[in-house]
Amino acid sequence: MKGEPAADVEAALDRLQQRKYLDDADFARQFARTKLLAAGSSRRRIVQELARRGIGRELADQALDELRDRDGVDPEAAVRRVAVKKLKMLARLDDFTRRRRLYAFLARRGFDADEIKAVLTTLGDEIET
């Protein structure tokens, strides 16, 4: 802080870190959990958003891996969950338009083409209903 003695600033930062107010790893885990479960964001999108908030790629990947391994949160299931929810809103459209809009929606959420094609294949009958 401008004008504050360096020792006071260091002491304040140390207190904040001890109380876990300045814990990038914990922030990354909580942010990733929220984005995966509530917003249905892709792994790539979460890593990008964490990078915008000053969290490095390695720490972001570690947070996502911990969620998968320790907490059983499946990032790959997010694309299916989001697709099923969106399909309900596209129910009145014809098959071609529904498929096209679903693909575009998932791409905007940050899912890559392979993930989208896989979910479109598994949801094939539901899309064409």
Protein backbone atom coordinates (compact mmCIF):
# COMPACT_ATOMS: atom_id res chain seq x y z
CA MET A 1 0.00 0.00 0.00
CA LYS A 2 1.18 3.44 -0.81
CA GLY A 3 2.68 5.24 2.16
CA GLU A 4 2.45 2.28 4.54
CA PRO A 5 5.57 0.78 6.10
CA ALA A 6 6.65 -2.39 4.28
CA ALA A 7 6.71 -4.36 7.55
CA ASP A 8 3.04 -3.51 8.22
CA VAL A 9 2.05 -4.52 4.70
CA GLU A 10 3.91 -7.84 5.02
CA ALA A 11 2.29 -8.53 8.40
CA ALA A 12 -1.16 -7.81 6.97
CA LEU A 13 -0.53 -10.10 3.99
CA ASP A 14 0.74 -12.86 6.28
CA ARG A 15 -2.42 -12.62 8.43
CA LEU A 16 -4.63 -12.79 5.35
CA GLN A 17 -2.81 -15.86 4.08
CA GLN A 18 -2.95 -17.60 7.47
CA ARG A 19 -6.71 -17.04 7.61
CA LYS A 20 -6.99 -18.37 4.04
CA TYR A 21 -8.32 -15.08 2.66
CA LEU A 22 -5.50 -15.09 0.13
CA ASP A 23 -5.47 -18.71 -1.03
CA ASP A 24 -5.36 -19.03 -4.81
CA ALA A 25 -5.71 -22.82 -4.75
CA ASP A 26 -8.84 -22.69 -2.60
CA PHE A 27 -10.29 -19.89 -4.73
CA ALA A 28 -9.61 -21.89 -7.91
CA ARG A 29 -11.35 -25.00 -6.47
CA GLN A 30 -14.40 -23.05 -5.33
CA PHE A 31 -14.65 -21.10 -8.57
CA ALA A 32 -14.28 -24.26 -10.68
CA ARG A 33 -16.91 -26.11 -8.62
CA THR A 34 -19.40 -23.29 -9.05
CA LYS A 35 -18.78 -22.96 -12.78
CA LEU A 36 -18.96 -26.71 -13.38
CA LEU A 37 -22.03 -27.47 -11.32
CA ALA A 38 -24.10 -24.29 -11.48
CA ALA A 39 -23.14 -22.71 -14.79
CA GLY A 40 -22.20 -25.83 -16.74
CA SER A 41 -19.04 -24.28 -18.11
CA SER A 42 -16.41 -26.31 -19.92
CA ARG A 43 -12.99 -27.08 -18.52
CA ARG A 44 -11.41 -24.78 -21.10
CA ARG A 45 -13.74 -21.89 -20.22
CA ILE A 46 -13.03 -22.30 -16.49
CA VAL A 47 -9.27 -22.25 -17.06
CA GLN A 48 -9.65 -19.10 -19.19
CA GLU A 49 -11.79 -17.34 -16.57
CA LEU A 50 -9.36 -18.27 -13.80
CA ALA A 51 -6.48 -16.91 -15.90
CA ARG A 52 -8.36 -13.60 -16.21
CA ARG A 53 -8.49 -13.55 -12.42
CA GLY A 54 -4.74 -14.11 -12.09
CA ILE A 55 -4.73 -17.88 -11.50
CA GLY A 56 -2.10 -19.77 -13.50
CA ARG A 57 -2.87 -22.68 -15.83
CA GLU A 58 -1.16 -25.22 -13.59
CA LEU A 59 -3.15 -24.20 -10.52
CA ALA A 60 -6.41 -24.15 -12.52
CA ASP A 61 -5.76 -27.64 -13.91
CA GLN A 62 -4.87 -28.86 -10.43
CA ALA A 63 -8.14 -27.48 -9.02
CA LEU A 64 -10.20 -29.19 -11.73
CA ASP A 65 -8.32 -32.47 -11.28
CA GLU A 66 -8.91 -32.33 -7.51
CA LEU A 67 -12.62 -31.78 -8.03
CA ARG A 68 -12.75 -34.83 -10.29
CA ASP A 69 -10.55 -37.12 -8.21
CA ARG A 70 -11.36 -36.11 -4.65
CA ASP A 71 -14.94 -34.83 -4.88
CA GLY A 72 -16.24 -36.93 -7.75
CA VAL A 73 -17.24 -33.90 -9.83
CA ASP A 74 -17.16 -34.96 -13.48
CA PRO A 75 -16.25 -32.10 -15.85
CA GLU A 76 -17.08 -34.31 -18.83
CA ALA A 77 -20.65 -34.77 -17.57
CA ALA A 78 -21.16 -31.01 -17.67
CA VAL A 79 -21.59 -30.97 -21.43
CA ARG A 80 -24.36 -33.58 -21.26
CA ARG A 81 -26.14 -31.84 -18.39
CA VAL A 82 -26.05 -28.49 -20.19
CA ALA A 83 -27.17 -30.06 -23.49
CA VAL A 84 -30.14 -31.83 -21.93
CA LYS A 85 -31.27 -28.62 -20.25
CA LYS A 86 -30.94 -26.60 -23.47
CA LEU A 87 -32.79 -29.25 -25.48
CA LYS A 88 -35.90 -28.63 -23.41
CA MET A 89 -35.90 -25.00 -24.54
CA LEU A 90 -35.44 -26.01 -28.18
CA ALA A 91 -38.26 -28.57 -28.20
CA ARG A 92 -40.51 -26.69 -30.63
CA LEU A 93 -37.89 -26.44 -33.37
CA ASP A 94 -37.29 -28.89 -36.21
CA ASP A 95 -34.48 -31.45 -35.83
CA PHE A 96 -31.94 -29.65 -38.02
CA THR A 97 -32.42 -26.29 -36.31
CA ARG A 98 -32.41 -27.88 -32.84
CA ARG A 99 -29.12 -29.67 -33.56
CA ARG A 100 -27.52 -26.55 -35.06
CA ARG A 101 -28.57 -24.29 -32.19
CA LEU A 102 -27.52 -26.82 -29.58
CA TYR A 103 -24.10 -27.15 -31.21
CA ALA A 104 -23.66 -23.34 -31.31
CA PHE A 105 -24.81 -22.97 -27.71
CA LEU A 106 -22.35 -25.58 -26.45
CA ALA A 107 -19.53 -24.05 -28.49
CA ARG A 108 -20.20 -20.66 -26.90
CA ARG A 109 -19.96 -22.34 -23.49
CA GLY A 110 -16.41 -23.36 -24.37
CA PHE A 111 -16.87 -27.04 -25.18
CA ASP A 112 -14.71 -28.29 -28.04
CA ALA A 113 -16.01 -29.92 -31.21
CA ASP A 114 -15.22 -33.48 -30.09
CA GLU A 115 -17.11 -33.05 -26.81
CA ILE A 116 -20.09 -31.56 -28.63
CA LYS A 117 -20.18 -34.25 -31.31
CA ALA A 118 -20.01 -36.96 -28.65
CA VAL A 119 -22.95 -35.53 -26.71
CA LEU A 120 -24.95 -34.99 -29.91
CA THR A 121 -24.39 -38.64 -30.75
CA THR A 122 -25.44 -39.88 -27.31
CA LEU A 123 -28.49 -37.59 -27.30
CA GLY A 124 -29.37 -38.41 -30.89
CA ASP A 125 -32.88 -39.76 -30.23
CA GLU A 126 -33.74 -36.93 -27.85
CA ILE A 127 -32.63 -34.32 -30.38
CA GLU A 128 -34.70 -35.87 -33.15
CA THR A 129 -37.88 -36.13 -31.11
